Amino acid sequence: MSTLFYLIIYDLPDNKGANKRRTKLHKMLTGYGTWTQYSVFECFLTAVQFAKLRVQVENLIKPSEDSIRIYVLDAGSVRKTITYGSEQPRQEETIIL
């Protein structure tokens, strides 16, 4: 089963409703990948896992207020990633959802 690398970045406003969504979003994304910075997750996912993640994100966010960006990178792009002060993105052997 092949996987792609997804860089997920989110920004939600600072209000009570958005804070609840942010907490739920963060918890949900933790099941898919690695939390690398405040609002950034790195995920290696199969097509099925990504489809499931998209549905969950779409059901959770409020598009009129929230901003979510998902960048899809192939293996070559991941190998070319430049990092300072942290580890290179790497795929773990098992993904548990």
PDB file of N, CA and C in Angstrom:
ATOM      1  N   MET A   1       0.837  -1.179   0.000  1.00  0.00           N
ATOM      2  CA  MET A   1       0.000   0.000   0.000  1.00  0.00           C
ATOM      3  C   MET A   1       0.887   1.249   0.000  1.00  0.00           C
ATOM      4  N   SER A   2       0.740   2.095  -0.999  1.00  0.00           N
ATOM      5  CA  SER A   2       1.593   3.275  -1.059  1.00  0.00           C
ATOM      6  C   SER A   2       1.001   4.420  -0.235  1.00  0.00           C
ATOM      7  N   THR A   3       1.901   5.243   0.250  1.00  0.00           N
ATOM      8  CA  THR A   3       1.482   6.393   1.042  1.00  0.00           C
ATOM      9  C   THR A   3       2.064   7.663   0.436  1.00  0.00           C
ATOM     10  N   LEU A   4       1.411   8.769   0.714  1.00  0.00           N
ATOM     11  CA  LEU A   4       1.926  10.081   0.359  1.00  0.00           C
ATOM     12  C   LEU A   4       2.112  10.862   1.650  1.00  0.00           C
ATOM     13  N   PHE A   5       2.871  11.932   1.560  1.00  0.00           N
ATOM     14  CA  PHE A   5       3.137  12.777   2.710  1.00  0.00           C
ATOM     15  C   PHE A   5       2.214  13.984   2.632  1.00  0.00           C
ATOM     16  N   TYR A   6       1.505  14.235   3.714  1.00  0.00           N
ATOM     17  CA  TYR A   6       0.581  15.357   3.781  1.00  0.00           C
ATOM     18  C   TYR A   6       1.027  16.310   4.877  1.00  0.00           C
ATOM     19  N   LEU A   7       1.181  17.560   4.527  1.00  0.00           N
ATOM     20  CA  LEU A   7       1.502  18.605   5.490  1.00  0.00           C
ATOM     21  C   LEU A   7       0.202  19.365   5.741  1.00  0.00           C
ATOM     22  N   ILE A   8      -0.283  19.310   6.983  1.00  0.00           N
ATOM     23  CA  ILE A   8      -1.571  19.909   7.321  1.00  0.00           C
ATOM     24  C   ILE A   8      -1.331  21.085   8.264  1.00  0.00           C
ATOM     25  N   ILE A   9      -1.814  22.249   7.857  1.00  0.00           N
ATOM     26  CA  ILE A   9      -1.617  23.479   8.609  1.00  0.00           C
ATOM     27  C   ILE A   9      -2.991  24.096   8.851  1.00  0.00           C
ATOM     28  N   TYR A  10      -3.240  24.496  10.085  1.00  0.00           N
ATOM     29  CA  TYR A  10      -4.552  25.073  10.370  1.00  0.00           C
ATOM     30  C   TYR A  10      -4.438  26.348  11.193  1.00  0.00           C
ATOM     31  N   ASP A  11      -5.440  27.203  11.017  1.00  0.00           N
ATOM     32  CA  ASP A  11      -5.528  28.455  11.763  1.00  0.00           C
ATOM     33  C   ASP A  11      -7.000  28.706  12.037  1.00  0.00           C
ATOM     34  N   LEU A  12      -7.371  28.712  13.301  1.00  0.00           N
ATOM     35  CA  LEU A  12      -8.742  28.958  13.708  1.00  0.00           C
ATOM     36  C   LEU A  12      -8.774  30.198  14.577  1.00  0.00           C
ATOM     37  N   PRO A  13      -9.870  30.976  14.519  1.00  0.00           N
ATOM     38  CA  PRO A  13      -9.937  32.201  15.310  1.00  0.00           C
ATOM     39  C   PRO A  13      -9.922  31.914  16.812  1.00  0.00           C
ATOM     40  N   ASP A  14      -9.730  32.959  17.581  1.00  0.00           N
ATOM     41  CA  ASP A  14      -9.680  32.819  19.038  1.00  0.00           C
ATOM     42  C   ASP A  14     -11.034  33.192  19.635  1.00  0.00           C
ATOM     43  N   ASN A  15     -11.948  32.225  19.600  1.00  0.00           N
ATOM     44  CA  ASN A  15     -13.242  32.405  20.265  1.00  0.00           C
ATOM     45  C   ASN A  15     -13.679  31.052  20.806  1.00  0.00           C
ATOM     46  N   LYS A  16     -14.702  31.047  21.629  1.00  0.00           N
ATOM     47  CA  LYS A  16     -15.093  29.825  22.339  1.00  0.00           C
ATOM     48  C   LYS A  16     -15.406  28.666  21.389  1.00  0.00           C
ATOM     49  N   GLY A  17     -16.200  28.926  20.355  1.00  0.00           N
ATOM     50  CA  GLY A  17     -16.561  27.869  19.404  1.00  0.00           C
ATOM     51  C   GLY A  17     -15.348  27.332  18.653  1.00  0.00           C
ATOM     52  N   ALA A  18     -14.489  28.251  18.185  1.00  0.00           N
ATOM     53  CA  ALA A  18     -13.297  27.838  17.438  1.00  0.00           C
ATOM     54  C   ALA A  18     -12.313  27.105  18.338  1.00  0.00           C
ATOM     55  N   ASN A  19     -12.232  27.501  19.599  1.00  0.00           N
ATOM     56  CA  ASN A  19     -11.323  26.808  20.515  1.00  0.00           C
ATOM     57  C   ASN A  19     -11.740  25.358  20.688  1.00  0.00           C
ATOM     58  N   LYS A  20     -13.047  25.094  20.751  1.00  0.00           N
ATOM     59  CA  LYS A  20     -13.534  23.708  20.840  1.00  0.00           C
ATOM     60  C   LYS A  20     -13.202  22.936  19.566  1.00  0.00           C
ATOM     61  N   ARG A  21     -13.415  23.577  18.413  1.00  0.00           N
ATOM     62  CA  ARG A  21     -13.090  22.921  17.139  1.00  0.00           C
ATOM     63  C   ARG A  21     -11.597  22.650  17.042  1.00  0.00           C
ATOM     64  N   ARG A  22     -10.777  23.605  17.485  1.00  0.00           N
ATOM     65  CA  ARG A  22      -9.324  23.443  17.430  1.00  0.00           C
ATOM     66  C   ARG A  22      -8.888  22.233  18.251  1.00  0.00           C
ATOM     67  N   THR A  23      -9.444  22.109  19.454  1.00  0.00           N
ATOM     68  CA  THR A  23      -9.106  20.974  20.318  1.00  0.00           C
ATOM     69  C   THR A  23      -9.496  19.658  19.655  1.00  0.00           C
ATOM     70  N   LYS A  24     -10.695  19.604  19.072  1.00  0.00           N
ATOM     71  CA  LYS A  24     -11.153  18.383  18.390  1.00  0.00           C
ATOM     72  C   LYS A  24     -10.287  18.080  17.165  1.00  0.00           C
ATOM     73  N   LEU A  25      -9.960  19.125  16.409  1.00  0.00           N
ATOM     74  CA  LEU A  25      -9.135  18.951  15.220  1.00  0.00           C
ATOM     75  C   LEU A  25      -7.751  18.433  15.601  1.00  0.00           C
ATOM     76  N   HIS A  26      -7.146  19.032  16.607  1.00  0.00           N
ATOM     77  CA  HIS A  26      -5.823  18.604  17.054  1.00  0.00           C
ATOM     78  C   HIS A  26      -5.853  17.143  17.501  1.00  0.00           C
ATOM     79  N   LYS A  27      -6.841  16.777  18.281  1.00  0.00           N
ATOM     80  CA  LYS A  27      -6.955  15.394  18.766  1.00  0.00           C
ATOM     81  C   LYS A  27      -7.148  14.423  17.595  1.00  0.00           C
ATOM     82  N   MET A  28      -7.990  14.791  16.639  1.00  0.00           N
ATOM     83  CA  MET A  28      -8.234  13.941  15.482  1.00  0.00           C
ATOM     84  C   MET A  28      -6.968  13.773  14.649  1.00  0.00           C
ATOM     85  N   LEU A  29      -6.249  14.878  14.389  1.00  0.00           N
ATOM     86  CA  LEU A  29      -5.035  14.808  13.576  1.00  0.00           C
ATOM     87  C   LEU A  29      -3.927  14.007  14.260  1.00  0.00           C
ATOM     88  N   THR A  30      -3.908  14.007  15.592  1.00  0.00           N
ATOM     89  CA  THR A  30      -2.916  13.220  16.328  1.00  0.00           C
ATOM     90  C   THR A  30      -3.025  11.738  15.972  1.00  0.00           C
ATOM     91  N   GLY A  31      -4.216  11.275  15.618  1.00  0.00           N
ATOM     92  CA  GLY A  31      -4.404   9.895  15.210  1.00  0.00           C
ATOM     93  C   GLY A  31      -3.881   9.587  13.821  1.00  0.00           C
ATOM     94  N   TYR A  32      -3.535  10.619  13.064  1.00  0.00           N
ATOM     95  CA  TYR A  32      -3.077  10.429  11.693  1.00  0.00           C
ATOM     96  C   TYR A  32      -1.594  10.698  11.486  1.00  0.00           C
ATOM     97  N   GLY A  33      -0.998  11.528  12.320  1.00  0.00           N
ATOM     98  CA  GLY A  33       0.379  11.894  12.041  1.00  0.00           C
ATOM     99  C   GLY A  33       1.086  12.487  13.233  1.00  0.00           C
ATOM    100  N   THR A  34       2.147  13.240  12.936  1.00  0.00           N
ATOM    101  CA  THR A  34       3.021  13.799  13.957  1.00  0.00           C
ATOM    102  C   THR A  34       2.803  15.304  14.063  1.00  0.00           C
ATOM    103  N   TRP A  35       2.554  15.761  15.274  1.00  0.00           N
ATOM    104  CA  TRP A  35       2.411  17.189  15.549  1.00  0.00           C
ATOM    105  C   TRP A  35       3.817  17.758  15.610  1.00  0.00           C
ATOM    106  N   THR A  36       4.164  18.652  14.672  1.00  0.00           N
ATOM    107  CA  THR A  36       5.536  19.139  14.591  1.00  0.00           C
ATOM    108  C   THR A  36       5.703  20.574  15.065  1.00  0.00           C
ATOM    109  N   GLN A  37       4.679  21.381  14.879  1.00  0.00           N
ATOM    110  CA  GLN A  37       4.694  22.758  15.355  1.00  0.00           C
ATOM    111  C   GLN A  37       3.287  23.112  15.788  1.00  0.00           C
ATOM    112  N   TYR A  38       3.096  24.302  16.319  1.00  0.00           N
ATOM    113  CA  TYR A  38       1.844  24.670  16.975  1.00  0.00           C
ATOM    114  C   TYR A  38       0.591  24.226  16.203  1.00  0.00           C
ATOM    115  N   SER A  39       0.469  24.588  14.962  1.00  0.00           N
ATOM    116  CA  SER A  39      -0.709  24.226  14.163  1.00  0.00           C
ATOM    117  C   SER A  39      -0.321  23.459  12.907  1.00  0.00           C
ATOM    118  N   VAL A  40       0.672  22.580  13.036  1.00  0.00           N
ATOM    119  CA  VAL A  40       1.199  21.852  11.882  1.00  0.00           C
ATOM    120  C   VAL A  40       1.310  20.367  12.208  1.00  0.00           C
ATOM    121  N   PHE A  41       0.791  19.546  11.297  1.00  0.00           N
ATOM    122  CA  PHE A  41       0.938  18.092  11.401  1.00  0.00           C
ATOM    123  C   PHE A  41       1.569  17.566  10.126  1.00  0.00           C
ATOM    124  N   GLU A  42       2.410  16.547  10.275  1.00  0.00           N
ATOM    125  CA  GLU A  42       2.995  15.823   9.146  1.00  0.00           C
ATOM    126  C   GLU A  42       2.430  14.410   9.185  1.00  0.00           C
ATOM    127  N   CYS A  43       1.861  13.973   8.054  1.00  0.00           N
ATOM    128  CA  CYS A  43       1.188  12.680   8.022  1.00  0.00           C
ATOM    129  C   CYS A  43       1.593  11.893   6.779  1.00  0.00           C
ATOM    130  N   PHE A  44       1.923  10.630   6.954  1.00  0.00           N
ATOM    131  CA  PHE A  44       2.093   9.695   5.850  1.00  0.00           C
ATOM    132  C   PHE A  44       0.823   8.861   5.802  1.00  0.00           C
ATOM    133  N   LEU A  45       0.047   8.990   4.712  1.00  0.00           N
ATOM    134  CA  LEU A  45      -1.257   8.341   4.653  1.00  0.00           C
ATOM    135  C   LEU A  45      -1.480   7.621   3.332  1.00  0.00           C
ATOM    136  N   THR A  46      -2.260   6.553   3.408  1.00  0.00           N
ATOM    137  CA  THR A  46      -2.728   5.894   2.187  1.00  0.00           C
ATOM    138  C   THR A  46      -3.888   6.718   1.638  1.00  0.00           C
ATOM    139  N   ALA A  47      -4.319   6.397   0.432  1.00  0.00           N
ATOM    140  CA  ALA A  47      -5.445   7.118  -0.168  1.00  0.00           C
ATOM    141  C   ALA A  47      -6.708   6.952   0.681  1.00  0.00           C
ATOM    142  N   VAL A  48      -6.917   5.759   1.223  1.00  0.00           N
ATOM    143  CA  VAL A  48      -8.098   5.505   2.053  1.00  0.00           C
ATOM    144  C   VAL A  48      -8.035   6.318   3.345  1.00  0.00           C
ATOM    145  N   GLN A  49      -6.872   6.344   3.985  1.00  0.00           N
ATOM    146  CA  GLN A  49      -6.717   7.120   5.212  1.00  0.00           C
ATOM    147  C   GLN A  49      -6.932   8.605   4.945  1.00  0.00           C
ATOM    148  N   PHE A  50      -6.396   9.100   3.825  1.00  0.00           N
ATOM    149  CA  PHE A  50      -6.562  10.512   3.504  1.00  0.00           C
ATOM    150  C   PHE A  50      -8.026  10.851   3.228  1.00  0.00           C
ATOM    151  N   ALA A  51      -8.731   9.966   2.542  1.00  0.00           N
ATOM    152  CA  ALA A  51     -10.154  10.194   2.270  1.00  0.00           C
ATOM    153  C   ALA A  51     -10.928  10.286   3.588  1.00  0.00           C
ATOM    154  N   LYS A  52     -10.616   9.409   4.519  1.00  0.00           N
ATOM    155  CA  LYS A  52     -11.270   9.423   5.832  1.00  0.00           C
ATOM    156  C   LYS A  52     -10.945  10.724   6.576  1.00  0.00           C
ATOM    157  N   LEU A  53      -9.683  11.149   6.535  1.00  0.00           N
ATOM    158  CA  LEU A  53      -9.271  12.384   7.193  1.00  0.00           C
ATOM    159  C   LEU A  53     -10.019  13.578   6.603  1.00  0.00           C
ATOM    160  N   ARG A  54     -10.127  13.637   5.282  1.00  0.00           N
ATOM    161  CA  ARG A  54     -10.813  14.764   4.638  1.00  0.00           C
ATOM    162  C   ARG A  54     -12.255  14.875   5.091  1.00  0.00           C
ATOM    163  N   VAL A  55     -12.948  13.744   5.154  1.00  0.00           N
ATOM    164  CA  VAL A  55     -14.344  13.762   5.599  1.00  0.00           C
ATOM    165  C   VAL A  55     -14.429  14.276   7.034  1.00  0.00           C
ATOM    166  N   GLN A  56     -13.530  13.810   7.894  1.00  0.00           N
ATOM    167  CA  GLN A  56     -13.544  14.246   9.284  1.00  0.00           C
ATOM    168  C   GLN A  56     -13.262  15.745   9.399  1.00  0.00           C
ATOM    169  N   VAL A  57     -12.291  16.240   8.644  1.00  0.00           N
ATOM    170  CA  VAL A  57     -11.978  17.674   8.664  1.00  0.00           C
ATOM    171  C   VAL A  57     -13.176  18.479   8.171  1.00  0.00           C
ATOM    172  N   GLU A  58     -13.769  18.056   7.055  1.00  0.00           N
ATOM    173  CA  GLU A  58     -14.893  18.786   6.477  1.00  0.00           C
ATOM    174  C   GLU A  58     -16.095  18.818   7.420  1.00  0.00           C
ATOM    175  N   ASN A  59     -16.278  17.756   8.193  1.00  0.00           N
ATOM    176  CA  ASN A  59     -17.392  17.712   9.147  1.00  0.00           C
ATOM    177  C   ASN A  59     -17.108  18.523  10.408  1.00  0.00           C
ATOM    178  N   LEU A  60     -15.859  18.801  10.672  1.00  0.00           N
ATOM    179  CA  LEU A  60     -15.467  19.457  11.915  1.00  0.00           C
ATOM    180  C   LEU A  60     -15.324  20.970  11.793  1.00  0.00           C
ATOM    181  N   ILE A  61     -14.768  21.423  10.683  1.00  0.00           N
ATOM    182  CA  ILE A  61     -14.439  22.851  10.586  1.00  0.00           C
ATOM    183  C   ILE A  61     -15.630  23.708  10.156  1.00  0.00           C
ATOM    184  N   LYS A  62     -15.457  24.992  10.324  1.00  0.00           N
ATOM    185  CA  LYS A  62     -16.434  25.992   9.890  1.00  0.00           C
ATOM    186  C   LYS A  62     -15.726  26.852   8.834  1.00  0.00           C
ATOM    187  N   PRO A  63     -15.929  26.541   7.547  1.00  0.00           N
ATOM    188  CA  PRO A  63     -15.165  27.211   6.477  1.00  0.00           C
ATOM    189  C   PRO A  63     -15.252  28.728   6.484  1.00  0.00           C
ATOM    190  N   SER A  64     -16.322  29.294   6.999  1.00  0.00           N
ATOM    191  CA  SER A  64     -16.443  30.752   7.022  1.00  0.00           C
ATOM    192  C   SER A  64     -15.501  31.388   8.045  1.00  0.00           C
ATOM    193  N   GLU A  65     -14.971  30.589   8.994  1.00  0.00           N
ATOM    194  CA  GLU A  65     -14.086  31.114  10.032  1.00  0.00           C
ATOM    195  C   GLU A  65     -12.705  30.463  10.044  1.00  0.00           C
ATOM    196  N   ASP A  66     -12.648  29.187   9.720  1.00  0.00           N
ATOM    197  CA  ASP A  66     -11.423  28.406   9.888  1.00  0.00           C
ATOM    198  C   ASP A  66     -10.646  28.305   8.582  1.00  0.00           C
ATOM    199  N   SER A  67      -9.347  28.158   8.714  1.00  0.00           N
ATOM    200  CA  SER A  67      -8.477  27.976   7.553  1.00  0.00           C
ATOM    201  C   SER A  67      -7.656  26.703   7.748  1.00  0.00           C
ATOM    202  N   ILE A  68      -7.783  25.782   6.809  1.00  0.00           N
ATOM    203  CA  ILE A  68      -7.020  24.532   6.828  1.00  0.00           C
ATOM    204  C   ILE A  68      -6.347  24.409   5.464  1.00  0.00           C
ATOM    205  N   ARG A  69      -5.070  24.114   5.483  1.00  0.00           N
ATOM    206  CA  ARG A  69      -4.340  23.867   4.227  1.00  0.00           C
ATOM    207  C   ARG A  69      -3.703  22.492   4.316  1.00  0.00           C
ATOM    208  N   ILE A  70      -3.861  21.721   3.245  1.00  0.00           N
ATOM    209  CA  ILE A  70      -3.254  20.400   3.181  1.00  0.00           C
ATOM    210  C   ILE A  70      -2.388  20.363   1.927  1.00  0.00           C
ATOM    211  N   TYR A  71      -1.100  20.195   2.138  1.00  0.00           N
ATOM    212  CA  TYR A  71      -0.157  20.102   1.034  1.00  0.00           C
ATOM    213  C   TYR A  71       0.191  18.636   0.835  1.00  0.00           C
ATOM    214  N   VAL A  72       0.094  18.170  -0.402  1.00  0.00           N
ATOM    215  CA  VAL A  72       0.375  16.786  -0.739  1.00  0.00           C
ATOM    216  C   VAL A  72       1.754  16.726  -1.396  1.00  0.00           C
ATOM    217  N   LEU A  73       2.654  15.955  -0.790  1.00  0.00           N
ATOM    218  CA  LEU A  73       4.030  15.877  -1.289  1.00  0.00           C
ATOM    219  C   LEU A  73       4.395  14.440  -1.610  1.00  0.00           C
ATOM    220  N   ASP A  74       5.119  14.253  -2.704  1.00  0.00           N
ATOM    221  CA  ASP A  74       5.566  12.901  -3.043  1.00  0.00           C
ATOM    222  C   ASP A  74       6.879  12.599  -2.311  1.00  0.00           C
ATOM    223  N   ALA A  75       7.348  11.368  -2.445  1.00  0.00           N
ATOM    224  CA  ALA A  75       8.551  10.932  -1.724  1.00  0.00           C
ATOM    225  C   ALA A  75       9.759  11.800  -2.063  1.00  0.00           C
ATOM    226  N   GLY A  76       9.887  12.215  -3.313  1.00  0.00           N
ATOM    227  CA  GLY A  76      11.014  13.057  -3.710  1.00  0.00           C
ATOM    228  C   GLY A  76      11.007  14.387  -2.991  1.00  0.00           C
ATOM    229  N   SER A  77       9.826  14.968  -2.842  1.00  0.00           N
ATOM    230  CA  SER A  77       9.711  16.245  -2.123  1.00  0.00           C
ATOM    231  C   SER A  77      10.062  16.080  -0.658  1.00  0.00           C
ATOM    232  N   VAL A  78       9.643  14.973  -0.061  1.00  0.00           N
ATOM    233  CA  VAL A  78       9.936  14.737   1.353  1.00  0.00           C
ATOM    234  C   VAL A  78      11.445  14.603   1.560  1.00  0.00           C
ATOM    235  N   ARG A  79      12.114  13.902   0.660  1.00  0.00           N
ATOM    236  CA  ARG A  79      13.569  13.740   0.775  1.00  0.00           C
ATOM    237  C   ARG A  79      14.301  15.065   0.651  1.00  0.00           C
ATOM    238  N   LYS A  80      13.714  16.028  -0.065  1.00  0.00           N
ATOM    239  CA  LYS A  80      14.339  17.336  -0.266  1.00  0.00           C
ATOM    240  C   LYS A  80      13.991  18.336   0.845  1.00  0.00           C
ATOM    241  N   THR A  81      13.209  17.905   1.825  1.00  0.00           N
ATOM    242  CA  THR A  81      12.809  18.796   2.918  1.00  0.00           C
ATOM    243  C   THR A  81      14.029  19.266   3.690  1.00  0.00           C
ATOM    244  N   ILE A  82      14.075  20.542   3.964  1.00  0.00           N
ATOM    245  CA  ILE A  82      15.163  21.129   4.746  1.00  0.00           C
ATOM    246  C   ILE A  82      14.598  21.476   6.116  1.00  0.00           C
ATOM    247  N   THR A  83      15.234  20.985   7.161  1.00  0.00           N
ATOM    248  CA  THR A  83      14.764  21.286   8.512  1.00  0.00           C
ATOM    249  C   THR A  83      15.908  21.851   9.339  1.00  0.00           C
ATOM    250  N   TYR A  84      15.566  22.739  10.238  1.00  0.00           N
ATOM    251  CA  TYR A  84      16.510  23.304  11.195  1.00  0.00           C
ATOM    252  C   TYR A  84      15.917  23.109  12.582  1.00  0.00           C
ATOM    253  N   GLY A  85      16.656  22.514  13.473  1.00  0.00           N
ATOM    254  CA  GLY A  85      16.212  22.360  14.838  1.00  0.00           C
ATOM    255  C   GLY A  85      15.191  21.263  15.063  1.00  0.00           C
ATOM    256  N   SER A  86      14.985  20.401  14.088  1.00  0.00           N
ATOM    257  CA  SER A  86      14.063  19.279  14.252  1.00  0.00           C
ATOM    258  C   SER A  86      14.460  18.163  13.293  1.00  0.00           C
ATOM    259  N   GLU A  87      13.797  17.034  13.438  1.00  0.00           N
ATOM    260  CA  GLU A  87      14.106  15.884  12.584  1.00  0.00           C
ATOM    261  C   GLU A  87      13.461  16.020  11.216  1.00  0.00           C
ATOM    262  N   GLN A  88      14.071  15.377  10.227  1.00  0.00           N
ATOM    263  CA  GLN A  88      13.476  15.266   8.903  1.00  0.00           C
ATOM    264  C   GLN A  88      12.177  14.482   9.029  1.00  0.00           C
ATOM    265  N   PRO A  89      11.165  14.774   8.207  1.00  0.00           N
ATOM    266  CA  PRO A  89       9.958  13.947   8.227  1.00  0.00           C
ATOM    267  C   PRO A  89      10.314  12.510   7.865  1.00  0.00           C
ATOM    268  N   ARG A  90       9.800  11.570   8.629  1.00  0.00           N
ATOM    269  CA  ARG A  90      10.053  10.170   8.299  1.00  0.00           C
ATOM    270  C   ARG A  90       8.821   9.357   8.634  1.00  0.00           C
ATOM    271  N   GLN A  91       8.615   8.337   7.836  1.00  0.00           N
ATOM    272  CA  GLN A  91       7.447   7.496   8.017  1.00  0.00           C
ATOM    273  C   GLN A  91       7.734   6.444   9.090  1.00  0.00           C
ATOM    274  N   GLU A  92       6.822   6.348  10.038  1.00  0.00           N
ATOM    275  CA  GLU A  92       6.937   5.305  11.054  1.00  0.00           C
ATOM    276  C   GLU A  92       6.531   3.980  10.412  1.00  0.00           C
ATOM    277  N   GLU A  93       6.955   2.895  11.028  1.00  0.00           N
ATOM    278  CA  GLU A  93       6.653   1.577  10.463  1.00  0.00           C
ATOM    279  C   GLU A  93       5.170   1.249  10.523  1.00  0.00           C
ATOM    280  N   THR A  94       4.494   1.676  11.579  1.00  0.00           N
ATOM    281  CA  THR A  94       3.066   1.375  11.687  1.00  0.00           C
ATOM    282  C   THR A  94       2.293   2.658  11.907  1.00  0.00           C
ATOM    283  N   ILE A  95       1.108   2.679  11.344  1.00  0.00           N
ATOM    284  CA  ILE A  95       0.207   3.803  11.545  1.00  0.00           C
ATOM    285  C   ILE A  95      -1.014   3.247  12.253  1.00  0.00           C
ATOM    286  N   ILE A  96      -1.323   3.779  13.419  1.00  0.00           N
ATOM    287  CA  ILE A  96      -2.453   3.310  14.198  1.00  0.00           C
ATOM    288  C   ILE A  96      -3.516   4.387  14.239  1.00  0.00           C
ATOM    289  N   LEU A  97      -4.711   4.040  13.782  1.00  0.00           N
ATOM    290  CA  LEU A  97      -5.823   4.995  13.800  1.00  0.00           C
ATOM    291  C   LEU A  97      -6.887   4.538  14.753  1.00  0.00           C
TER     292      LEU A  97
END
